[in-house]
Full PDB file with SEQRES, HELIX, SHEET, SSBOND, CRYST1, ORIGX, SCALE, CONECT and MASTER records, all heavy atoms in Angstrom:
SEQRES   1 A   33  GLY VAL ALA SER ARG ARG GLU ALA GLU ARG LEU ILE GLU          
SEQRES   2 A   33  ALA GLY LYS VAL SER VAL ASN GLY LYS VAL ILE THR SER          
SEQRES   3 A   33  PRO ALA LEU ASN VAL THR GLU                                  
HELIX    1 AA1 ARG A    5  GLU A   13  1                                   9    
SHEET    1 AA1 2 VAL A  17  VAL A  19  0                                        
SHEET    2 AA1 2 LYS A  22  ILE A  24 -1                                        
CRYST1    1.000    1.000    1.000  90.00  90.00  90.00 P 1           1          
ORIGX1      1.000000  0.000000  0.000000        0.00000                         
ORIGX2      0.000000  1.000000  0.000000        0.00000                         
ORIGX3      0.000000  0.000000  1.000000        0.00000                         
SCALE1      1.000000  0.000000  0.000000        0.00000                         
SCALE2      0.000000  1.000000  0.000000        0.00000                         
SCALE3      0.000000  0.000000  1.000000        0.00000                         
ATOM      1  N   GLY A   1       3.749   0.438  -2.225  1.00  0.00           N  
ATOM      2  CA  GLY A   1       4.985   0.669  -1.467  1.00  0.00           C  
ATOM      3  C   GLY A   1       5.467   2.085  -1.332  1.00  0.00           C  
ATOM      4  O   GLY A   1       6.552   2.382  -0.942  1.00  0.00           O  
ATOM      5  N   VAL A   2       4.596   2.988  -1.861  1.00  0.00           N  
ATOM      6  CA  VAL A   2       5.157   4.366  -2.013  1.00  0.00           C  
ATOM      7  C   VAL A   2       5.142   4.996  -0.459  1.00  0.00           C  
ATOM      8  O   VAL A   2       6.131   5.725  -0.163  1.00  0.00           O  
ATOM      9  CB  VAL A   2       4.193   5.241  -2.900  1.00  0.00           C  
ATOM     10  CG1 VAL A   2       4.564   6.750  -2.854  1.00  0.00           C  
ATOM     11  CG2 VAL A   2       4.322   4.698  -4.312  1.00  0.00           C  
ATOM     12  N   ALA A   3       4.019   4.869   0.269  1.00  0.00           N  
ATOM     13  CA  ALA A   3       3.961   5.408   1.623  1.00  0.00           C  
ATOM     14  C   ALA A   3       2.741   4.868   2.199  1.00  0.00           C  
ATOM     15  O   ALA A   3       1.922   4.223   1.624  1.00  0.00           O  
ATOM     16  CB  ALA A   3       3.815   6.972   1.435  1.00  0.00           C  
ATOM     17  N   SER A   4       2.592   5.149   3.473  1.00  0.00           N  
ATOM     18  CA  SER A   4       1.425   4.717   4.262  1.00  0.00           C  
ATOM     19  C   SER A   4       0.222   5.506   3.671  1.00  0.00           C  
ATOM     20  O   SER A   4       0.457   6.582   2.993  1.00  0.00           O  
ATOM     21  CB  SER A   4       1.512   4.958   5.680  1.00  0.00           C  
ATOM     22  OG  SER A   4       1.559   6.370   5.968  1.00  0.00           O  
ATOM     23  N   ARG A   5      -0.937   5.078   3.927  1.00  0.00           N  
ATOM     24  CA  ARG A   5      -2.131   5.856   3.387  1.00  0.00           C  
ATOM     25  C   ARG A   5      -2.164   7.302   3.957  1.00  0.00           C  
ATOM     26  O   ARG A   5      -2.325   8.277   3.069  1.00  0.00           O  
ATOM     27  CB  ARG A   5      -3.449   5.190   3.887  1.00  0.00           C  
ATOM     28  CG  ARG A   5      -3.721   3.952   3.227  1.00  0.00           C  
ATOM     29  CD  ARG A   5      -5.194   3.532   3.462  1.00  0.00           C  
ATOM     30  NE  ARG A   5      -5.441   2.268   2.833  1.00  0.00           N  
ATOM     31  CZ  ARG A   5      -6.704   1.676   2.811  1.00  0.00           C  
ATOM     32  NH1 ARG A   5      -7.697   2.386   3.127  1.00  0.00           N  
ATOM     33  NH2 ARG A   5      -6.863   0.499   2.368  1.00  0.00           N  
ATOM     34  N   ARG A   6      -1.780   7.497   5.163  1.00  0.00           N  
ATOM     35  CA  ARG A   6      -1.790   8.912   5.747  1.00  0.00           C  
ATOM     36  C   ARG A   6      -0.695   9.707   5.060  1.00  0.00           C  
ATOM     37  O   ARG A   6      -0.903  10.914   4.798  1.00  0.00           O  
ATOM     38  CB  ARG A   6      -1.629   8.747   7.319  1.00  0.00           C  
ATOM     39  CG  ARG A   6      -2.124  10.011   8.029  1.00  0.00           C  
ATOM     40  CD  ARG A   6      -2.092   9.740   9.548  1.00  0.00           C  
ATOM     41  NE  ARG A   6      -3.147   8.973   9.955  1.00  0.00           N  
ATOM     42  CZ  ARG A   6      -3.411   8.695  11.252  1.00  0.00           C  
ATOM     43  NH1 ARG A   6      -2.625   9.063  12.069  1.00  0.00           N  
ATOM     44  NH2 ARG A   6      -4.519   7.958  11.507  1.00  0.00           N  
ATOM     45  N   GLU A   7       0.480   9.033   4.817  1.00  0.00           N  
ATOM     46  CA  GLU A   7       1.471   9.848   4.305  1.00  0.00           C  
ATOM     47  C   GLU A   7       1.166  10.019   2.737  1.00  0.00           C  
ATOM     48  O   GLU A   7       1.590  11.070   2.205  1.00  0.00           O  
ATOM     49  CB  GLU A   7       2.841   8.988   4.285  1.00  0.00           C  
ATOM     50  CG  GLU A   7       3.448   8.822   5.670  1.00  0.00           C  
ATOM     51  CD  GLU A   7       4.460   7.897   5.805  1.00  0.00           C  
ATOM     52  OE1 GLU A   7       4.517   6.931   4.778  1.00  0.00           O  
ATOM     53  OE2 GLU A   7       5.214   7.815   6.827  1.00  0.00           O  
ATOM     54  N   ALA A   8       0.474   9.160   2.075  1.00  0.00           N  
ATOM     55  CA  ALA A   8       0.156   9.279   0.671  1.00  0.00           C  
ATOM     56  C   ALA A   8      -0.872  10.436   0.612  1.00  0.00           C  
ATOM     57  O   ALA A   8      -0.801  11.241  -0.398  1.00  0.00           O  
ATOM     58  CB  ALA A   8      -0.551   7.986   0.246  1.00  0.00           C  
ATOM     59  N   GLU A   9      -1.834  10.579   1.571  1.00  0.00           N  
ATOM     60  CA  GLU A   9      -2.661  11.666   1.533  1.00  0.00           C  
ATOM     61  C   GLU A   9      -1.933  13.041   1.623  1.00  0.00           C  
ATOM     62  O   GLU A   9      -2.311  14.032   0.952  1.00  0.00           O  
ATOM     63  CB  GLU A   9      -3.674  11.557   2.639  1.00  0.00           C  
ATOM     64  CG  GLU A   9      -4.674  10.444   2.365  1.00  0.00           C  
ATOM     65  CD  GLU A   9      -5.603  10.201   3.531  1.00  0.00           C  
ATOM     66  OE1 GLU A   9      -5.502  10.824   4.585  1.00  0.00           O  
ATOM     67  OE2 GLU A   9      -6.558   9.332   3.430  1.00  0.00           O  
ATOM     68  N   ARG A  10      -0.934  13.051   2.446  1.00  0.00           N  
ATOM     69  CA  ARG A  10      -0.198  14.378   2.548  1.00  0.00           C  
ATOM     70  C   ARG A  10       0.603  14.650   1.289  1.00  0.00           C  
ATOM     71  O   ARG A  10       0.719  15.848   0.821  1.00  0.00           O  
ATOM     72  CB  ARG A  10       0.787  14.195   3.678  1.00  0.00           C  
ATOM     73  CG  ARG A  10       0.244  14.330   5.073  1.00  0.00           C  
ATOM     74  CD  ARG A  10       1.270  14.548   6.142  1.00  0.00           C  
ATOM     75  NE  ARG A  10       1.979  13.360   6.503  1.00  0.00           N  
ATOM     76  CZ  ARG A  10       1.679  12.557   7.516  1.00  0.00           C  
ATOM     77  NH1 ARG A  10       0.629  12.733   8.261  1.00  0.00           N  
ATOM     78  NH2 ARG A  10       2.416  11.429   7.704  1.00  0.00           N  
ATOM     79  N   LEU A  11       1.136  13.594   0.576  1.00  0.00           N  
ATOM     80  CA  LEU A  11       1.696  13.786  -0.768  1.00  0.00           C  
ATOM     81  C   LEU A  11       0.768  14.436  -1.738  1.00  0.00           C  
ATOM     82  O   LEU A  11       1.202  15.273  -2.447  1.00  0.00           O  
ATOM     83  CB  LEU A  11       2.306  12.478  -1.247  1.00  0.00           C  
ATOM     84  CG  LEU A  11       3.551  11.879  -0.565  1.00  0.00           C  
ATOM     85  CD1 LEU A  11       3.849  10.518  -1.136  1.00  0.00           C  
ATOM     86  CD2 LEU A  11       4.777  12.787  -0.684  1.00  0.00           C  
ATOM     87  N   ILE A  12      -0.493  13.889  -1.636  1.00  0.00           N  
ATOM     88  CA  ILE A  12      -1.485  14.362  -2.598  1.00  0.00           C  
ATOM     89  C   ILE A  12      -1.738  15.839  -2.283  1.00  0.00           C  
ATOM     90  O   ILE A  12      -1.876  16.619  -3.269  1.00  0.00           O  
ATOM     91  CB  ILE A  12      -2.764  13.445  -2.498  1.00  0.00           C  
ATOM     92  CG1 ILE A  12      -2.525  12.081  -3.071  1.00  0.00           C  
ATOM     93  CG2 ILE A  12      -3.911  14.045  -3.247  1.00  0.00           C  
ATOM     94  CD1 ILE A  12      -3.471  10.993  -2.659  1.00  0.00           C  
ATOM     95  N   GLU A  13      -2.090  16.168  -1.071  1.00  0.00           N  
ATOM     96  CA  GLU A  13      -2.313  17.474  -0.753  1.00  0.00           C  
ATOM     97  C   GLU A  13      -1.192  18.412  -1.099  1.00  0.00           C  
ATOM     98  O   GLU A  13      -1.386  19.647  -1.232  1.00  0.00           O  
ATOM     99  CB  GLU A  13      -2.722  17.545   0.780  1.00  0.00           C  
ATOM    100  CG  GLU A  13      -3.990  16.842   1.110  1.00  0.00           C  
ATOM    101  CD  GLU A  13      -4.234  16.637   2.615  1.00  0.00           C  
ATOM    102  OE1 GLU A  13      -3.293  16.908   3.368  1.00  0.00           O  
ATOM    103  OE2 GLU A  13      -5.319  16.086   3.012  1.00  0.00           O  
ATOM    104  N   ALA A  14      -0.040  18.002  -1.041  1.00  0.00           N  
ATOM    105  CA  ALA A  14       1.160  18.753  -1.439  1.00  0.00           C  
ATOM    106  C   ALA A  14       1.314  18.920  -2.898  1.00  0.00           C  
ATOM    107  O   ALA A  14       2.218  19.590  -3.430  1.00  0.00           O  
ATOM    108  CB  ALA A  14       2.461  18.220  -0.793  1.00  0.00           C  
ATOM    109  N   GLY A  15       0.444  18.308  -3.790  1.00  0.00           N  
ATOM    110  CA  GLY A  15       0.535  18.432  -5.204  1.00  0.00           C  
ATOM    111  C   GLY A  15       1.597  17.641  -5.786  1.00  0.00           C  
ATOM    112  O   GLY A  15       2.097  17.954  -6.845  1.00  0.00           O  
ATOM    113  N   LYS A  16       2.043  16.474  -5.146  1.00  0.00           N  
ATOM    114  CA  LYS A  16       3.161  15.738  -5.652  1.00  0.00           C  
ATOM    115  C   LYS A  16       2.687  14.484  -6.415  1.00  0.00           C  
ATOM    116  O   LYS A  16       3.510  13.737  -6.934  1.00  0.00           O  
ATOM    117  CB  LYS A  16       4.106  15.292  -4.488  1.00  0.00           C  
ATOM    118  CG  LYS A  16       4.784  16.375  -3.842  1.00  0.00           C  
ATOM    119  CD  LYS A  16       5.638  15.869  -2.621  1.00  0.00           C  
ATOM    120  CE  LYS A  16       6.478  16.995  -1.914  1.00  0.00           C  
ATOM    121  NZ  LYS A  16       7.409  17.622  -2.795  1.00  0.00           N  
ATOM    122  N   VAL A  17       1.315  14.288  -6.455  1.00  0.00           N  
ATOM    123  CA  VAL A  17       0.793  13.151  -7.206  1.00  0.00           C  
ATOM    124  C   VAL A  17       0.036  13.483  -8.375  1.00  0.00           C  
ATOM    125  O   VAL A  17      -0.733  14.513  -8.376  1.00  0.00           O  
ATOM    126  CB  VAL A  17      -0.093  12.356  -6.209  1.00  0.00           C  
ATOM    127  CG1 VAL A  17      -0.599  11.127  -6.950  1.00  0.00           C  
ATOM    128  CG2 VAL A  17       0.675  11.819  -5.021  1.00  0.00           C  
ATOM    129  N   SER A  18       0.197  12.774  -9.419  1.00  0.00           N  
ATOM    130  CA  SER A  18      -0.608  13.076 -10.639  1.00  0.00           C  
ATOM    131  C   SER A  18      -1.195  11.848 -11.220  1.00  0.00           C  
ATOM    132  O   SER A  18      -0.603  10.766 -11.091  1.00  0.00           O  
ATOM    133  CB  SER A  18       0.296  13.765 -11.782  1.00  0.00           C  
ATOM    134  OG  SER A  18       1.265  12.854 -12.177  1.00  0.00           O  
ATOM    135  N   VAL A  19      -2.377  11.929 -11.780  1.00  0.00           N  
ATOM    136  CA  VAL A  19      -3.045  10.803 -12.328  1.00  0.00           C  
ATOM    137  C   VAL A  19      -3.477  11.177 -13.778  1.00  0.00           C  
ATOM    138  O   VAL A  19      -4.047  12.223 -14.091  1.00  0.00           O  
ATOM    139  CB  VAL A  19      -4.406  10.541 -11.633  1.00  0.00           C  
ATOM    140  CG1 VAL A  19      -5.105   9.278 -12.260  1.00  0.00           C  
ATOM    141  CG2 VAL A  19      -4.098  10.153 -10.167  1.00  0.00           C  
ATOM    142  N   ASN A  20      -2.913  10.446 -14.700  1.00  0.00           N  
ATOM    143  CA  ASN A  20      -3.091  10.576 -16.179  1.00  0.00           C  
ATOM    144  C   ASN A  20      -2.604  11.903 -16.597  1.00  0.00           C  
ATOM    145  O   ASN A  20      -3.220  12.592 -17.356  1.00  0.00           O  
ATOM    146  CB  ASN A  20      -4.518  10.451 -16.530  1.00  0.00           C  
ATOM    147  CG  ASN A  20      -5.023   9.002 -16.273  1.00  0.00           C  
ATOM    148  OD1 ASN A  20      -4.369   8.044 -16.329  1.00  0.00           O  
ATOM    149  ND2 ASN A  20      -6.379   8.905 -15.811  1.00  0.00           N  
ATOM    150  N   GLY A  21      -1.429  12.360 -16.028  1.00  0.00           N  
ATOM    151  CA  GLY A  21      -0.761  13.684 -16.364  1.00  0.00           C  
ATOM    152  C   GLY A  21      -1.354  14.886 -15.698  1.00  0.00           C  
ATOM    153  O   GLY A  21      -0.876  15.982 -15.905  1.00  0.00           O  
ATOM    154  N   LYS A  22      -2.335  14.668 -14.872  1.00  0.00           N  
ATOM    155  CA  LYS A  22      -2.942  15.839 -14.162  1.00  0.00           C  
ATOM    156  C   LYS A  22      -2.666  15.784 -12.650  1.00  0.00           C  
ATOM    157  O   LYS A  22      -2.929  14.754 -12.039  1.00  0.00           O  
ATOM    158  CB  LYS A  22      -4.429  15.876 -14.367  1.00  0.00           C  
ATOM    159  CG  LYS A  22      -5.190  17.047 -13.827  1.00  0.00           C  
ATOM    160  CD  LYS A  22      -6.739  16.997 -14.034  1.00  0.00           C  
ATOM    161  CE  LYS A  22      -7.388  18.157 -13.382  1.00  0.00           C  
ATOM    162  NZ  LYS A  22      -8.897  18.218 -13.618  1.00  0.00           N  
ATOM    163  N   VAL A  23      -2.131  16.798 -12.140  1.00  0.00           N  
ATOM    164  CA  VAL A  23      -1.866  16.942 -10.719  1.00  0.00           C  
ATOM    165  C   VAL A  23      -3.223  16.920  -9.923  1.00  0.00           C  
ATOM    166  O   VAL A  23      -4.075  17.605 -10.189  1.00  0.00           O  
ATOM    167  CB  VAL A  23      -1.095  18.110 -10.336  1.00  0.00           C  
ATOM    168  CG1 VAL A  23      -0.819  18.275  -8.865  1.00  0.00           C  
ATOM    169  CG2 VAL A  23       0.286  18.014 -10.931  1.00  0.00           C  
ATOM    170  N   ILE A  24      -3.308  16.078  -8.853  1.00  0.00           N  
ATOM    171  CA  ILE A  24      -4.398  16.040  -7.851  1.00  0.00           C  
ATOM    172  C   ILE A  24      -4.061  16.559  -6.588  1.00  0.00           C  
ATOM    173  O   ILE A  24      -2.884  16.445  -6.149  1.00  0.00           O  
ATOM    174  CB  ILE A  24      -5.028  14.613  -7.844  1.00  0.00           C  
ATOM    175  CG1 ILE A  24      -4.043  13.638  -7.208  1.00  0.00           C  
ATOM    176  CG2 ILE A  24      -5.451  14.112  -9.271  1.00  0.00           C  
ATOM    177  CD1 ILE A  24      -4.600  12.408  -6.820  1.00  0.00           C  
ATOM    178  N   THR A  25      -5.093  17.247  -5.961  1.00  0.00           N  
ATOM    179  CA  THR A  25      -4.798  17.727  -4.509  1.00  0.00           C  
ATOM    180  C   THR A  25      -5.752  17.143  -3.542  1.00  0.00           C  
ATOM    181  O   THR A  25      -5.744  17.517  -2.374  1.00  0.00           O  
ATOM    182  CB  THR A  25      -4.934  19.280  -4.550  1.00  0.00           C  
ATOM    183  OG1 THR A  25      -6.122  19.569  -5.149  1.00  0.00           O  
ATOM    184  CG2 THR A  25      -3.719  19.855  -5.467  1.00  0.00           C  
ATOM    185  N   SER A  26      -6.575  16.247  -3.991  1.00  0.00           N  
ATOM    186  CA  SER A  26      -7.512  15.578  -3.028  1.00  0.00           C  
ATOM    187  C   SER A  26      -7.466  14.178  -3.064  1.00  0.00           C  
ATOM    188  O   SER A  26      -7.407  13.526  -4.220  1.00  0.00           O  
ATOM    189  CB  SER A  26      -8.994  16.084  -3.282  1.00  0.00           C  
ATOM    190  OG  SER A  26      -9.958  15.260  -2.532  1.00  0.00           O  
ATOM    191  N   PRO A  27      -7.427  13.436  -1.962  1.00  0.00           N  
ATOM    192  CA  PRO A  27      -7.332  11.914  -1.984  1.00  0.00           C  
ATOM    193  C   PRO A  27      -8.769  11.344  -2.339  1.00  0.00           C  
ATOM    194  O   PRO A  27      -8.804  10.006  -2.363  1.00  0.00           O  
ATOM    195  CB  PRO A  27      -6.938  11.584  -0.615  1.00  0.00           C  
ATOM    196  CG  PRO A  27      -7.475  12.710   0.280  1.00  0.00           C  
ATOM    197  CD  PRO A  27      -7.307  13.919  -0.565  1.00  0.00           C  
ATOM    198  N   ALA A  28      -9.734  12.165  -2.446  1.00  0.00           N  
ATOM    199  CA  ALA A  28     -11.157  11.517  -2.776  1.00  0.00           C  
ATOM    200  C   ALA A  28     -11.240  11.230  -4.265  1.00  0.00           C  
ATOM    201  O   ALA A  28     -11.888  11.877  -4.965  1.00  0.00           O  
ATOM    202  CB  ALA A  28     -12.093  12.600  -2.328  1.00  0.00           C  
ATOM    203  N   LEU A  29     -10.446  10.279  -4.643  1.00  0.00           N  
ATOM    204  CA  LEU A  29     -10.425   9.892  -6.014  1.00  0.00           C  
ATOM    205  C   LEU A  29     -10.186   8.380  -6.134  1.00  0.00           C  
ATOM    206  O   LEU A  29      -9.189   7.798  -5.482  1.00  0.00           O  
ATOM    207  CB  LEU A  29      -9.276  10.641  -6.816  1.00  0.00           C  
ATOM    208  CG  LEU A  29      -9.064  10.190  -8.207  1.00  0.00           C  
ATOM    209  CD1 LEU A  29     -10.257  10.486  -9.168  1.00  0.00           C  
ATOM    210  CD2 LEU A  29      -7.742  10.813  -8.739  1.00  0.00           C  
ATOM    211  N   ASN A  30     -10.973   7.683  -6.815  1.00  0.00           N  
ATOM    212  CA  ASN A  30     -10.741   6.316  -7.198  1.00  0.00           C  
ATOM    213  C   ASN A  30     -10.057   6.014  -8.482  1.00  0.00           C  
ATOM    214  O   ASN A  30     -10.271   6.845  -9.489  1.00  0.00           O  
ATOM    215  CB  ASN A  30     -12.075   5.461  -7.273  1.00  0.00           C  
ATOM    216  CG  ASN A  30     -12.584   5.160  -5.815  1.00  0.00           C  
ATOM    217  OD1 ASN A  30     -12.369   5.812  -4.876  1.00  0.00           O  
ATOM    218  ND2 ASN A  30     -13.264   4.041  -5.772  1.00  0.00           N  
ATOM    219  N   VAL A  31      -9.058   5.142  -8.474  1.00  0.00           N  
ATOM    220  CA  VAL A  31      -8.299   4.886  -9.671  1.00  0.00           C  
ATOM    221  C   VAL A  31      -8.370   3.385 -10.044  1.00  0.00           C  
ATOM    222  O   VAL A  31      -8.619   2.502  -9.111  1.00  0.00           O  
ATOM    223  CB  VAL A  31      -6.892   5.286  -9.571  1.00  0.00           C  
ATOM    224  CG1 VAL A  31      -6.721   6.752  -9.426  1.00  0.00           C  
ATOM    225  CG2 VAL A  31      -6.219   4.659  -8.393  1.00  0.00           C  
ATOM    226  N   THR A  32      -8.113   3.038 -11.178  1.00  0.00           N  
ATOM    227  CA  THR A  32      -8.135   1.655 -11.674  1.00  0.00           C  
ATOM    228  C   THR A  32      -6.741   1.307 -12.224  1.00  0.00           C  
ATOM    229  O   THR A  32      -5.808   2.158 -12.378  1.00  0.00           O  
ATOM    230  CB  THR A  32      -9.236   1.367 -12.755  1.00  0.00           C  
ATOM    231  OG1 THR A  32      -8.875   2.023 -13.842  1.00  0.00           O  
ATOM    232  CG2 THR A  32     -10.589   1.857 -12.247  1.00  0.00           C  
ATOM    233  N   GLU A  33      -6.596   0.055 -12.768  1.00  0.00           N  
ATOM    234  CA  GLU A  33      -5.299  -0.330 -13.309  1.00  0.00           C  
ATOM    235  C   GLU A  33      -5.063   0.424 -14.602  1.00  0.00           C  
ATOM    236  O   GLU A  33      -3.906   0.435 -15.076  1.00  0.00           O  
ATOM    237  CB  GLU A  33      -5.369  -1.787 -13.608  1.00  0.00           C  
ATOM    238  CG  GLU A  33      -5.483  -2.694 -12.408  1.00  0.00           C  
ATOM    239  CD  GLU A  33      -5.545  -4.169 -12.659  1.00  0.00           C  
ATOM    240  OE1 GLU A  33      -5.649  -4.514 -13.853  1.00  0.00           O  
ATOM    241  OE2 GLU A  33      -5.523  -5.037 -11.705  1.00  0.00           O  
TER     242      GLU A  33                                                      
MASTER        0    0    0    1    2    0    0    6  241    1    0    3          
END                                                                             
């Protein structure tokens, strides 16, 4: 419920998303629980 997929990709490219404490800039990443 954070955003649509397209909006989520824009958030990622803007450096607003981090995974395991590391900022990501590409949506080409799979994550698990």
